[in-house]
Amino acid sequence: MSSIAASAGRARLAAAARTLKPRYFSSSLRSQEGENAPKPPKPIDDSTSALDYKRTLRQRPPPLPSMDLPRSRSAEEAVTNILYNTPPPSLQPFKKHVLNCLVQNEPGVLSRVSGILAGRGFNIDSLVVCRTEIRDLSRMCIVLRGQDGVVEQARRQLEDLVPVWAVLDYTDTHCIQRELLLAKVSILGPEYVEEQLLGGPTHEPRRSSHHVDPKLEREAALAQHFEHSADPEGAAPSPPPLTPSQALRLKSDHLQAIQVLSAQFGGRIVDVSEHSVIVEMCGKTKRVEAFLALLKPFGVLESARTGLMVMPRTPIKNTEEADETEEGGDVDASLLPPG
């Protein structure tokens, strides 16, 4: 009887367990709802983000620019070419190209980009790299010279790098181009540039002094003559020492001339020292080179250039011409003057 009662009790417990529904705590419900909730996009913090971006926008690239082939060769020329394995040179001209690269802001990207260009034999004329308004994105502006087909191959090879987002060729695009120049110019004249370069960081030339021993002056002149005796043409004569009044007049005249020249090119003097000034000028590359050439007669002690920076122009729709064509409409020929 006891075994029958025990089996009956177990049967009742099993039936009750089947009828009861499972109860969940509120935390489990919140976890299930959290799994289905939308999640924010992952931050851009590694190089694979650029790779995923290029995979989503993968399109068939356009064909490479056609290379100009030379004239048809004769059998003798073809055999000579095969024997010496000399490929025919391309007839495309070498011109300046401006590449704008958007890359991941991480170490080692610059070396990889420059390594690919150096492996293809390109000499980089200028390279400007800086972080953009996006924290993980940097912009490179590269200026080089080459043929269209070769530069396009290099551009596609750069775009295949993992940390590179995109590479744009701004060669035939309407862009704003700017370059910054800082030049330290002497205000004593070109005759004293060599003396200023020997004067150390202050660029102070020799001054006249009456208390110098004549014997020391003769010894210094003899040593200088002995140093330049091997030169058949002889060294250029050193300028005479300046008196304080002469130096003051030279500084005043040259400072005024440099200031007028800088104003004509949109530049300005940012630093004035005892014997030199620093001039700042921003403009196109040709304008910067012209300004630097005009500063050379004054005596350029140092110069530094940032390289070319570009940004494409935003096209503006010409609404005035569209309104005039719409308002004009058809013209009655009878209302026109004769002839």
C-alpha atoms as a PDB file:
ATOM      1  CA  MET A   1       0.000   0.000   0.000  1.00  0.00           C
ATOM      2  CA  SER A   2       2.824   2.398   0.804  1.00  0.00           C
ATOM      3  CA  SER A   3       4.410   1.876  -2.633  1.00  0.00           C
ATOM      4  CA  ILE A   4       1.106   2.507  -4.377  1.00  0.00           C
ATOM      5  CA  ALA A   5       0.636   5.743  -2.412  1.00  0.00           C
ATOM      6  CA  ALA A   6       4.164   6.911  -3.224  1.00  0.00           C
ATOM      7  CA  SER A   7       3.722   6.297  -6.963  1.00  0.00           C
ATOM      8  CA  ALA A   8       0.399   8.120  -6.906  1.00  0.00           C
ATOM      9  CA  GLY A   9       2.041  11.111  -5.181  1.00  0.00           C
ATOM     10  CA  ARG A  10       4.803  11.248  -7.766  1.00  0.00           C
ATOM     11  CA  ALA A  11       2.241  11.179 -10.582  1.00  0.00           C
ATOM     12  CA  ARG A  12       0.376  14.106  -9.050  1.00  0.00           C
ATOM     13  CA  LEU A  13       3.581  16.129  -8.703  1.00  0.00           C
ATOM     14  CA  ALA A  14       4.518  15.496 -12.337  1.00  0.00           C
ATOM     15  CA  ALA A  15       1.069  16.577 -13.558  1.00  0.00           C
ATOM     16  CA  ALA A  16       1.287  19.764 -11.466  1.00  0.00           C
ATOM     17  CA  ALA A  17       4.710  20.536 -12.897  1.00  0.00           C
ATOM     18  CA  ARG A  18       3.374  20.191 -16.426  1.00  0.00           C
ATOM     19  CA  THR A  19       0.476  22.526 -15.765  1.00  0.00           C
ATOM     20  CA  LEU A  20       2.565  25.237 -14.075  1.00  0.00           C
ATOM     21  CA  LYS A  21       4.121  27.819 -16.429  1.00  0.00           C
ATOM     22  CA  PRO A  22       7.664  29.066 -15.834  1.00  0.00           C
ATOM     23  CA  ARG A  23       7.953  32.428 -14.114  1.00  0.00           C
ATOM     24  CA  TYR A  24      10.650  34.912 -15.091  1.00  0.00           C
ATOM     25  CA  PHE A  25      12.128  37.714 -13.117  1.00  0.00           C
ATOM     26  CA  SER A  26      12.007  41.252 -14.438  1.00  0.00           C
ATOM     27  CA  SER A  27      15.787  41.226 -14.976  1.00  0.00           C
ATOM     28  CA  SER A  28      15.506  38.383 -17.501  1.00  0.00           C
ATOM     29  CA  LEU A  29      12.828  40.270 -19.411  1.00  0.00           C
ATOM     30  CA  ARG A  30      15.008  43.368 -19.490  1.00  0.00           C
ATOM     31  CA  SER A  31      17.934  41.339 -20.818  1.00  0.00           C
ATOM     32  CA  GLN A  32      15.778  39.933 -23.627  1.00  0.00           C
ATOM     33  CA  GLU A  33      14.510  43.388 -24.533  1.00  0.00           C
ATOM     34  CA  GLY A  34      18.074  44.729 -24.473  1.00  0.00           C
ATOM     35  CA  GLU A  35      19.227  42.142 -26.944  1.00  0.00           C
ATOM     36  CA  ASN A  36      16.593  43.229 -29.471  1.00  0.00           C
ATOM     37  CA  ALA A  37      17.194  46.976 -28.930  1.00  0.00           C
ATOM     38  CA  PRO A  38      19.172  48.864 -31.650  1.00  0.00           C
ATOM     39  CA  LYS A  39      22.847  49.337 -30.890  1.00  0.00           C
ATOM     40  CA  PRO A  40      24.991  52.378 -31.823  1.00  0.00           C
ATOM     41  CA  PRO A  41      27.608  51.894 -34.561  1.00  0.00           C
ATOM     42  CA  LYS A  42      31.027  50.829 -33.413  1.00  0.00           C
ATOM     43  CA  PRO A  43      33.619  53.613 -33.225  1.00  0.00           C
ATOM     44  CA  ILE A  44      36.274  54.039 -35.887  1.00  0.00           C
ATOM     45  CA  ASP A  45      39.336  52.961 -33.991  1.00  0.00           C
ATOM     46  CA  ASP A  46      41.259  50.581 -36.244  1.00  0.00           C
ATOM     47  CA  SER A  47      42.406  50.144 -39.842  1.00  0.00           C
ATOM     48  CA  THR A  48      39.834  47.489 -40.658  1.00  0.00           C
ATOM     49  CA  SER A  49      37.107  50.148 -40.664  1.00  0.00           C
ATOM     50  CA  ALA A  50      38.533  51.613 -43.862  1.00  0.00           C
ATOM     51  CA  LEU A  51      38.691  48.116 -45.366  1.00  0.00           C
ATOM     52  CA  ASP A  52      35.011  47.474 -44.548  1.00  0.00           C
ATOM     53  CA  TYR A  53      34.060  50.833 -46.043  1.00  0.00           C
ATOM     54  CA  LYS A  54      35.813  50.041 -49.324  1.00  0.00           C
ATOM     55  CA  ARG A  55      34.210  46.603 -49.460  1.00  0.00           C
ATOM     56  CA  THR A  56      30.718  48.052 -49.181  1.00  0.00           C
ATOM     57  CA  LEU A  57      31.406  50.543 -51.981  1.00  0.00           C
ATOM     58  CA  ARG A  58      33.314  48.120 -54.165  1.00  0.00           C
ATOM     59  CA  GLN A  59      32.736  48.988 -57.798  1.00  0.00           C
ATOM     60  CA  ARG A  60      34.469  48.041 -60.970  1.00  0.00           C
ATOM     61  CA  PRO A  61      37.196  50.645 -61.502  1.00  0.00           C
ATOM     62  CA  PRO A  62      37.263  52.519 -64.797  1.00  0.00           C
ATOM     63  CA  PRO A  63      39.872  51.481 -67.339  1.00  0.00           C
ATOM     64  CA  LEU A  64      43.318  52.987 -67.146  1.00  0.00           C
ATOM     65  CA  PRO A  65      44.049  55.986 -69.360  1.00  0.00           C
ATOM     66  CA  SER A  66      45.186  55.009 -72.825  1.00  0.00           C
ATOM     67  CA  MET A  67      48.935  55.209 -73.305  1.00  0.00           C
ATOM     68  CA  ASP A  68      50.202  56.776 -76.500  1.00  0.00           C
ATOM     69  CA  LEU A  69      52.011  54.094 -78.472  1.00  0.00           C
ATOM     70  CA  PRO A  70      54.953  54.927 -80.742  1.00  0.00           C
ATOM     71  CA  ARG A  71      54.890  54.483 -84.474  1.00  0.00           C
ATOM     72  CA  SER A  72      54.835  51.021 -86.065  1.00  0.00           C
ATOM     73  CA  ARG A  73      58.303  49.511 -86.194  1.00  0.00           C
ATOM     74  CA  SER A  74      60.004  47.609 -88.958  1.00  0.00           C
ATOM     75  CA  ALA A  75      61.178  44.011 -88.715  1.00  0.00           C
ATOM     76  CA  GLU A  76      64.740  45.092 -88.034  1.00  0.00           C
ATOM     77  CA  GLU A  77      63.676  47.366 -85.193  1.00  0.00           C
ATOM     78  CA  ALA A  78      61.441  44.665 -83.727  1.00  0.00           C
ATOM     79  CA  VAL A  79      64.237  42.088 -83.759  1.00  0.00           C
ATOM     80  CA  THR A  80      66.635  44.573 -82.178  1.00  0.00           C
ATOM     81  CA  ASN A  81      64.067  45.339 -79.482  1.00  0.00           C
ATOM     82  CA  ILE A  82      63.579  41.626 -78.745  1.00  0.00           C
ATOM     83  CA  LEU A  83      67.305  40.963 -78.569  1.00  0.00           C
ATOM     84  CA  TYR A  84      68.054  43.820 -76.194  1.00  0.00           C
ATOM     85  CA  ASN A  85      64.708  43.663 -74.363  1.00  0.00           C
ATOM     86  CA  THR A  86      64.163  47.414 -74.490  1.00  0.00           C
ATOM     87  CA  PRO A  87      60.464  48.299 -74.195  1.00  0.00           C
ATOM     88  CA  PRO A  88      59.286  51.259 -76.273  1.00  0.00           C
ATOM     89  CA  PRO A  89      59.043  54.438 -74.220  1.00  0.00           C
ATOM     90  CA  SER A  90      55.679  56.062 -73.631  1.00  0.00           C
ATOM     91  CA  LEU A  91      54.992  59.326 -75.420  1.00  0.00           C
ATOM     92  CA  GLN A  92      52.806  60.768 -72.654  1.00  0.00           C
ATOM     93  CA  PRO A  93      54.202  63.973 -71.124  1.00  0.00           C
ATOM     94  CA  PHE A  94      55.223  64.269 -67.500  1.00  0.00           C
ATOM     95  CA  LYS A  95      53.002  66.705 -65.638  1.00  0.00           C
ATOM     96  CA  LYS A  96      52.214  67.695 -62.077  1.00  0.00           C
ATOM     97  CA  HIS A  97      49.670  65.589 -60.184  1.00  0.00           C
ATOM     98  CA  VAL A  98      48.003  66.383 -56.867  1.00  0.00           C
ATOM     99  CA  LEU A  99      46.795  63.386 -54.835  1.00  0.00           C
ATOM    100  CA  ASN A 100      44.549  63.795 -51.807  1.00  0.00           C
ATOM    101  CA  CYS A 101      44.597  60.767 -49.478  1.00  0.00           C
ATOM    102  CA  LEU A 102      42.177  60.158 -46.603  1.00  0.00           C
ATOM    103  CA  VAL A 103      43.891  57.734 -44.232  1.00  0.00           C
ATOM    104  CA  GLN A 104      43.471  56.307 -40.757  1.00  0.00           C
ATOM    105  CA  ASN A 105      45.108  58.364 -38.022  1.00  0.00           C
ATOM    106  CA  GLU A 106      47.575  55.764 -36.762  1.00  0.00           C
ATOM    107  CA  PRO A 107      51.358  55.242 -36.742  1.00  0.00           C
ATOM    108  CA  GLY A 108      53.062  53.829 -39.814  1.00  0.00           C
ATOM    109  CA  VAL A 109      50.644  55.013 -42.513  1.00  0.00           C
ATOM    110  CA  LEU A 110      52.961  57.719 -43.845  1.00  0.00           C
ATOM    111  CA  SER A 111      55.861  55.299 -44.258  1.00  0.00           C
ATOM    112  CA  ARG A 112      53.693  52.820 -46.181  1.00  0.00           C
ATOM    113  CA  VAL A 113      52.349  55.479 -48.534  1.00  0.00           C
ATOM    114  CA  SER A 114      55.767  56.988 -49.214  1.00  0.00           C
ATOM    115  CA  GLY A 115      57.261  53.506 -49.627  1.00  0.00           C
ATOM    116  CA  ILE A 116      54.849  52.634 -52.433  1.00  0.00           C
ATOM    117  CA  LEU A 117      55.574  55.901 -54.252  1.00  0.00           C
ATOM    118  CA  ALA A 118      59.335  55.465 -53.801  1.00  0.00           C
ATOM    119  CA  GLY A 119      59.126  51.896 -55.106  1.00  0.00           C
ATOM    120  CA  ARG A 120      57.569  53.189 -58.316  1.00  0.00           C
ATOM    121  CA  GLY A 121      60.317  55.785 -58.749  1.00  0.00           C
ATOM    122  CA  PHE A 122      58.307  58.913 -57.872  1.00  0.00           C
ATOM    123  CA  ASN A 123      60.027  61.918 -56.325  1.00  0.00           C
ATOM    124  CA  ILE A 124      57.576  63.610 -53.966  1.00  0.00           C
ATOM    125  CA  ASP A 125      57.715  67.365 -54.545  1.00  0.00           C
ATOM    126  CA  SER A 126      55.705  68.187 -51.412  1.00  0.00           C
ATOM    127  CA  LEU A 127      53.811  66.248 -48.754  1.00  0.00           C
ATOM    128  CA  VAL A 128      51.432  67.779 -46.197  1.00  0.00           C
ATOM    129  CA  VAL A 129      49.829  65.589 -43.503  1.00  0.00           C
ATOM    130  CA  CYS A 130      47.498  66.712 -40.734  1.00  0.00           C
ATOM    131  CA  ARG A 131      44.522  65.460 -38.748  1.00  0.00           C
ATOM    132  CA  THR A 132      41.079  66.523 -39.969  1.00  0.00           C
ATOM    133  CA  GLU A 133      37.972  67.503 -38.027  1.00  0.00           C
ATOM    134  CA  ILE A 134      37.321  63.755 -37.564  1.00  0.00           C
ATOM    135  CA  ARG A 135      39.344  62.304 -34.699  1.00  0.00           C
ATOM    136  CA  ASP A 136      40.384  59.091 -36.484  1.00  0.00           C
ATOM    137  CA  LEU A 137      40.908  60.575 -39.977  1.00  0.00           C
ATOM    138  CA  SER A 138      43.954  62.311 -41.452  1.00  0.00           C
ATOM    139  CA  ARG A 139      44.442  64.008 -44.811  1.00  0.00           C
ATOM    140  CA  MET A 140      47.533  63.782 -46.995  1.00  0.00           C
ATOM    141  CA  CYS A 141      48.213  66.144 -49.887  1.00  0.00           C
ATOM    142  CA  ILE A 142      50.916  64.730 -52.172  1.00  0.00           C
ATOM    143  CA  VAL A 143      52.373  66.592 -55.155  1.00  0.00           C
ATOM    144  CA  LEU A 144      54.450  64.639 -57.679  1.00  0.00           C
ATOM    145  CA  ARG A 145      55.277  64.558 -61.386  1.00  0.00           C
ATOM    146  CA  GLY A 146      54.610  61.636 -63.727  1.00  0.00           C
ATOM    147  CA  GLN A 147      52.605  60.247 -66.613  1.00  0.00           C
ATOM    148  CA  ASP A 148      48.849  59.856 -66.317  1.00  0.00           C
ATOM    149  CA  GLY A 149      48.801  56.082 -66.649  1.00  0.00           C
ATOM    150  CA  VAL A 150      51.626  55.471 -64.167  1.00  0.00           C
ATOM    151  CA  VAL A 151      50.176  57.877 -61.602  1.00  0.00           C
ATOM    152  CA  GLU A 152      46.753  56.224 -61.912  1.00  0.00           C
ATOM    153  CA  GLN A 153      48.311  52.812 -61.238  1.00  0.00           C
ATOM    154  CA  ALA A 154      50.060  54.205 -58.159  1.00  0.00           C
ATOM    155  CA  ARG A 155      46.808  55.810 -56.987  1.00  0.00           C
ATOM    156  CA  ARG A 156      44.957  52.492 -57.170  1.00  0.00           C
ATOM    157  CA  GLN A 157      47.786  50.736 -55.375  1.00  0.00           C
ATOM    158  CA  LEU A 158      47.619  53.310 -52.575  1.00  0.00           C
ATOM    159  CA  GLU A 159      43.856  52.866 -52.327  1.00  0.00           C
ATOM    160  CA  ASP A 160      44.313  49.117 -51.790  1.00  0.00           C
ATOM    161  CA  LEU A 161      46.209  49.697 -48.535  1.00  0.00           C
ATOM    162  CA  VAL A 162      44.271  48.683 -45.439  1.00  0.00           C
ATOM    163  CA  PRO A 163      44.509  52.006 -43.485  1.00  0.00           C
ATOM    164  CA  VAL A 164      43.666  54.122 -46.568  1.00  0.00           C
ATOM    165  CA  TRP A 165      40.039  55.171 -47.008  1.00  0.00           C
ATOM    166  CA  ALA A 166      40.216  56.896 -50.386  1.00  0.00           C
ATOM    167  CA  VAL A 167      42.716  58.500 -52.781  1.00  0.00           C
ATOM    168  CA  LEU A 168      41.514  61.343 -55.024  1.00  0.00           C
ATOM    169  CA  ASP A 169      43.340  62.897 -57.973  1.00  0.00           C
ATOM    170  CA  TYR A 170      42.778  66.673 -57.990  1.00  0.00           C
ATOM    171  CA  THR A 171      44.939  67.312 -61.069  1.00  0.00           C
ATOM    172  CA  ASP A 172      42.109  68.414 -63.393  1.00  0.00           C
ATOM    173  CA  THR A 173      39.781  69.694 -60.628  1.00  0.00           C
ATOM    174  CA  HIS A 174      39.091  73.346 -59.845  1.00  0.00           C
ATOM    175  CA  CYS A 175      40.763  73.709 -56.452  1.00  0.00           C
ATOM    176  CA  ILE A 176      42.034  76.354 -54.090  1.00  0.00           C
ATOM    177  CA  GLN A 177      45.803  75.891 -53.748  1.00  0.00           C
ATOM    178  CA  ARG A 178      47.809  77.535 -50.991  1.00  0.00           C
ATOM    179  CA  GLU A 179      51.351  77.333 -49.647  1.00  0.00           C
ATOM    180  CA  LEU A 180      52.934  79.114 -46.681  1.00  0.00           C
ATOM    181  CA  LEU A 181      56.425  80.644 -46.754  1.00  0.00           C
ATOM    182  CA  LEU A 182      58.561  81.881 -43.871  1.00  0.00           C
ATOM    183  CA  ALA A 183      61.768  83.650 -44.889  1.00  0.00           C
ATOM    184  CA  LYS A 184      64.428  85.282 -42.718  1.00  0.00           C
ATOM    185  CA  VAL A 185      65.880  88.198 -44.668  1.00  0.00           C
ATOM    186  CA  SER A 186      68.909  90.333 -43.870  1.00  0.00           C
ATOM    187  CA  ILE A 187      68.335  94.067 -43.495  1.00  0.00           C
ATOM    188  CA  LEU A 188      72.024  94.882 -43.986  1.00  0.00           C
ATOM    189  CA  GLY A 189      72.258  93.852 -47.636  1.00  0.00           C
ATOM    190  CA  PRO A 190      73.663  90.920 -49.600  1.00  0.00           C
ATOM    191  CA  GLU A 191      77.279  92.040 -49.063  1.00  0.00           C
ATOM    192  CA  TYR A 192      77.072  91.133 -45.378  1.00  0.00           C
ATOM    193  CA  VAL A 193      75.149  87.842 -45.662  1.00  0.00           C
ATOM    194  CA  GLU A 194      78.319  85.745 -45.395  1.00  0.00           C
ATOM    195  CA  GLU A 195      79.421  87.721 -42.372  1.00  0.00           C
ATOM    196  CA  GLN A 196      75.985  87.289 -40.794  1.00  0.00           C
ATOM    197  CA  LEU A 197      75.985  83.532 -41.395  1.00  0.00           C
ATOM    198  CA  LEU A 198      79.313  83.333 -39.549  1.00  0.00           C
ATOM    199  CA  GLY A 199      77.934  85.409 -36.690  1.00  0.00           C
ATOM    200  CA  GLY A 200      75.889  82.582 -35.133  1.00  0.00           C
ATOM    201  CA  PRO A 201      72.214  82.686 -34.185  1.00  0.00           C
ATOM    202  CA  THR A 202      72.235  86.473 -33.763  1.00  0.00           C
ATOM    203  CA  HIS A 203      73.541  87.023 -37.352  1.00  0.00           C
ATOM    204  CA  GLU A 204      75.743  89.887 -36.190  1.00  0.00           C
ATOM    205  CA  PRO A 205      78.376  91.045 -38.742  1.00  0.00           C
ATOM    206  CA  ARG A 206      81.759  92.532 -38.029  1.00  0.00           C
ATOM    207  CA  ARG A 207      81.858  96.121 -36.802  1.00  0.00           C
ATOM    208  CA  SER A 208      84.629  98.674 -37.032  1.00  0.00           C
ATOM    209  CA  SER A 209      86.701  99.078 -33.885  1.00  0.00           C
ATOM    210  CA  HIS A 210      89.622 101.404 -33.288  1.00  0.00           C
ATOM    211  CA  HIS A 211      91.148  99.598 -30.301  1.00  0.00           C
ATOM    212  CA  VAL A 212      92.190  96.481 -32.268  1.00  0.00           C
ATOM    213  CA  ASP A 213      95.927  95.897 -32.428  1.00  0.00           C
ATOM    214  CA  PRO A 214      97.246  96.525 -35.976  1.00  0.00           C
ATOM    215  CA  LYS A 215      99.546  93.521 -35.566  1.00  0.00           C
ATOM    216  CA  LEU A 216      96.544  91.227 -35.033  1.00  0.00           C
ATOM    217  CA  GLU A 217      94.826  92.670 -38.104  1.00  0.00           C
ATOM    218  CA  ARG A 218      97.916  91.981 -40.249  1.00  0.00           C
ATOM    219  CA  GLU A 219      98.127  88.432 -38.942  1.00  0.00           C
ATOM    220  CA  ALA A 220      94.446  87.809 -39.675  1.00  0.00           C
ATOM    221  CA  ALA A 221      94.830  89.193 -43.211  1.00  0.00           C
ATOM    222  CA  LEU A 222      97.894  87.007 -43.769  1.00  0.00           C
ATOM    223  CA  ALA A 223      96.044  83.882 -42.562  1.00  0.00           C
ATOM    224  CA  GLN A 224      93.094  84.651 -44.821  1.00  0.00           C
ATOM    225  CA  HIS A 225      95.415  85.154 -47.786  1.00  0.00           C
ATOM    226  CA  PHE A 226      97.120  81.821 -47.052  1.00  0.00           C
ATOM    227  CA  GLU A 227      93.763  79.996 -46.882  1.00  0.00           C
ATOM    228  CA  HIS A 228      92.655  81.267 -50.303  1.00  0.00           C
ATOM    229  CA  SER A 229      96.041  81.035 -52.002  1.00  0.00           C
ATOM    230  CA  ALA A 230      95.156  77.660 -53.547  1.00  0.00           C
ATOM    231  CA  ASP A 231      92.123  79.188 -55.274  1.00  0.00           C
ATOM    232  CA  PRO A 232      93.239  80.518 -58.692  1.00  0.00           C
ATOM    233  CA  GLU A 233      90.369  82.961 -58.929  1.00  0.00           C
ATOM    234  CA  GLY A 234      90.888  84.202 -55.425  1.00  0.00           C
ATOM    235  CA  ALA A 235      88.280  84.778 -52.772  1.00  0.00           C
ATOM    236  CA  ALA A 236      85.786  87.583 -52.980  1.00  0.00           C
ATOM    237  CA  PRO A 237      86.922  90.605 -51.006  1.00  0.00           C
ATOM    238  CA  SER A 238      85.191  90.908 -47.671  1.00  0.00           C
ATOM    239  CA  PRO A 239      83.079  94.021 -47.144  1.00  0.00           C
ATOM    240  CA  PRO A 240      84.494  96.774 -44.987  1.00  0.00           C
ATOM    241  CA  PRO A 241      83.355  96.916 -41.360  1.00  0.00           C
ATOM    242  CA  LEU A 242      80.227  98.948 -40.708  1.00  0.00           C
ATOM    243  CA  THR A 243      80.052 101.930 -38.451  1.00  0.00           C
ATOM    244  CA  PRO A 244      76.945 102.240 -36.240  1.00  0.00           C
ATOM    245  CA  SER A 245      75.567 105.081 -38.379  1.00  0.00           C
ATOM    246  CA  GLN A 246      76.030 103.140 -41.619  1.00  0.00           C
ATOM    247  CA  ALA A 247      74.376 100.068 -40.152  1.00  0.00           C
ATOM    248  CA  LEU A 248      71.430 102.168 -38.971  1.00  0.00           C
ATOM    249  CA  ARG A 249      70.890 103.705 -42.403  1.00  0.00           C
ATOM    250  CA  LEU A 250      71.114 100.319 -44.148  1.00  0.00           C
ATOM    251  CA  LYS A 251      68.618  98.778 -41.749  1.00  0.00           C
ATOM    252  CA  SER A 252      66.112 101.588 -42.233  1.00  0.00           C
ATOM    253  CA  ASP A 253      66.266 101.526 -46.044  1.00  0.00           C
ATOM    254  CA  HIS A 254      66.154  97.747 -46.429  1.00  0.00           C
ATOM    255  CA  LEU A 255      63.408  97.321 -43.836  1.00  0.00           C
ATOM    256  CA  GLN A 256      61.178  99.773 -45.679  1.00  0.00           C
ATOM    257  CA  ALA A 257      61.851  98.106 -49.049  1.00  0.00           C
ATOM    258  CA  ILE A 258      61.095  94.613 -47.681  1.00  0.00           C
ATOM    259  CA  GLN A 259      57.899  95.864 -46.071  1.00  0.00           C
ATOM    260  CA  VAL A 260      56.655  97.413 -49.341  1.00  0.00           C
ATOM    261  CA  LEU A 261      57.508  94.270 -51.316  1.00  0.00           C
ATOM    262  CA  SER A 262      55.726  92.037 -48.794  1.00  0.00           C
ATOM    263  CA  ALA A 263      52.600  94.182 -48.942  1.00  0.00           C
ATOM    264  CA  GLN A 264      52.485  93.854 -52.727  1.00  0.00           C
ATOM    265  CA  PHE A 265      52.379  90.036 -52.416  1.00  0.00           C
ATOM    266  CA  GLY A 266      49.932  89.977 -49.518  1.00  0.00           C
ATOM    267  CA  GLY A 267      52.618  89.080 -46.975  1.00  0.00           C
ATOM    268  CA  ARG A 268      53.655  90.678 -43.715  1.00  0.00           C
ATOM    269  CA  ILE A 269      56.622  90.970 -41.395  1.00  0.00           C
ATOM    270  CA  VAL A 270      56.045  88.797 -38.329  1.00  0.00           C
ATOM    271  CA  ASP A 271      59.375  89.304 -36.523  1.00  0.00           C
ATOM    272  CA  VAL A 272      61.968  92.086 -36.431  1.00  0.00           C
ATOM    273  CA  SER A 273      65.392  91.536 -34.888  1.00  0.00           C
ATOM    274  CA  GLU A 274      68.554  93.616 -34.794  1.00  0.00           C
ATOM    275  CA  HIS A 275      69.966  92.448 -38.133  1.00  0.00           C
ATOM    276  CA  SER A 276      67.163  90.508 -39.876  1.00  0.00           C
ATOM    277  CA  VAL A 277      63.406  90.186 -40.265  1.00  0.00           C
ATOM    278  CA  ILE A 278      61.076  87.209 -40.783  1.00  0.00           C
ATOM    279  CA  VAL A 279      58.493  87.562 -43.554  1.00  0.00           C
ATOM    280  CA  GLU A 280      55.331  85.474 -43.832  1.00  0.00           C
ATOM    281  CA  MET A 281      53.552  84.986 -47.164  1.00  0.00           C
ATOM    282  CA  CYS A 282      50.728  82.668 -48.266  1.00  0.00           C
ATOM    283  CA  GLY A 283      49.714  82.015 -51.876  1.00  0.00           C
ATOM    284  CA  LYS A 284      50.017  79.708 -54.857  1.00  0.00           C
ATOM    285  CA  THR A 285      53.260  77.895 -55.557  1.00  0.00           C
ATOM    286  CA  LYS A 286      54.279  80.112 -58.475  1.00  0.00           C
ATOM    287  CA  ARG A 287      53.518  83.249 -56.488  1.00  0.00           C
ATOM    288  CA  VAL A 288      55.582  81.993 -53.538  1.00  0.00           C
ATOM    289  CA  GLU A 289      58.526  81.204 -55.825  1.00  0.00           C
ATOM    290  CA  ALA A 290      58.309  84.648 -57.431  1.00  0.00           C
ATOM    291  CA  PHE A 291      58.254  86.347 -54.027  1.00  0.00           C
ATOM    292  CA  LEU A 292      61.238  84.309 -52.850  1.00  0.00           C
ATOM    293  CA  ALA A 293      63.177  85.216 -55.993  1.00  0.00           C
ATOM    294  CA  LEU A 294      62.555  88.926 -55.336  1.00  0.00           C
ATOM    295  CA  LEU A 295      63.764  88.553 -51.746  1.00  0.00           C
ATOM    296  CA  LYS A 296      67.096  87.009 -52.738  1.00  0.00           C
ATOM    297  CA  PRO A 297      68.772  90.351 -53.641  1.00  0.00           C
ATOM    298  CA  PHE A 298      68.264  91.466 -50.034  1.00  0.00           C
ATOM    299  CA  GLY A 299      70.009  88.343 -48.715  1.00  0.00           C
ATOM    300  CA  VAL A 300      67.928  85.346 -47.575  1.00  0.00           C
ATOM    301  CA  LEU A 301      69.386  83.784 -44.433  1.00  0.00           C
ATOM    302  CA  GLU A 302      66.792  80.999 -43.988  1.00  0.00           C
ATOM    303  CA  SER A 303      63.559  79.909 -45.626  1.00  0.00           C
ATOM    304  CA  ALA A 304      60.883  77.298 -44.898  1.00  0.00           C
ATOM    305  CA  ARG A 305      57.843  76.244 -46.945  1.00  0.00           C
ATOM    306  CA  THR A 306      54.903  74.118 -45.840  1.00  0.00           C
ATOM    307  CA  GLY A 307      54.120  72.482 -49.181  1.00  0.00           C
ATOM    308  CA  LEU A 308      50.928  72.643 -51.232  1.00  0.00           C
ATOM    309  CA  MET A 309      47.484  72.305 -49.636  1.00  0.00           C
ATOM    310  CA  VAL A 310      44.386  71.973 -51.835  1.00  0.00           C
ATOM    311  CA  MET A 311      40.637  71.951 -51.371  1.00  0.00           C
ATOM    312  CA  PRO A 312      38.128  71.588 -54.238  1.00  0.00           C
ATOM    313  CA  ARG A 313      35.787  74.428 -55.038  1.00  0.00           C
ATOM    314  CA  THR A 314      32.041  74.061 -54.459  1.00  0.00           C
ATOM    315  CA  PRO A 315      30.096  74.623 -57.700  1.00  0.00           C
ATOM    316  CA  ILE A 316      27.393  77.296 -57.595  1.00  0.00           C
ATOM    317  CA  LYS A 317      24.334  77.038 -59.789  1.00  0.00           C
ATOM    318  CA  ASN A 318      23.872  80.113 -61.938  1.00  0.00           C
ATOM    319  CA  THR A 319      20.240  80.941 -61.191  1.00  0.00           C
ATOM    320  CA  GLU A 320      20.229  84.350 -62.926  1.00  0.00           C
ATOM    321  CA  GLU A 321      20.701  82.903 -66.413  1.00  0.00           C
ATOM    322  CA  ALA A 322      18.024  80.275 -65.768  1.00  0.00           C
ATOM    323  CA  ASP A 323      15.514  82.944 -64.688  1.00  0.00           C
ATOM    324  CA  GLU A 324      16.225  85.052 -67.754  1.00  0.00           C
ATOM    325  CA  THR A 325      15.639  82.131 -70.120  1.00  0.00           C
ATOM    326  CA  GLU A 326      12.397  81.213 -68.356  1.00  0.00           C
ATOM    327  CA  GLU A 327      11.025  84.752 -68.349  1.00  0.00           C
ATOM    328  CA  GLY A 328      12.007  85.438 -71.956  1.00  0.00           C
ATOM    329  CA  GLY A 329       9.974  82.686 -73.624  1.00  0.00           C
ATOM    330  CA  ASP A 330       9.120  82.882 -77.341  1.00  0.00           C
ATOM    331  CA  VAL A 331       9.629  86.200 -79.132  1.00  0.00           C
ATOM    332  CA  ASP A 332       7.228  87.425 -81.810  1.00  0.00           C
ATOM    333  CA  ALA A 333       9.193  88.130 -85.008  1.00  0.00           C
ATOM    334  CA  SER A 334       6.797  90.950 -85.996  1.00  0.00           C
ATOM    335  CA  LEU A 335       7.811  92.957 -82.939  1.00  0.00           C
ATOM    336  CA  LEU A 336      11.514  92.944 -83.827  1.00  0.00           C
ATOM    337  CA  PRO A 337      13.071  95.949 -85.661  1.00  0.00           C
ATOM    338  CA  PRO A 338      13.780  95.544 -89.369  1.00  0.00           C
ATOM    339  CA  GLY A 339      17.060  93.929 -90.415  1.00  0.00           C
END
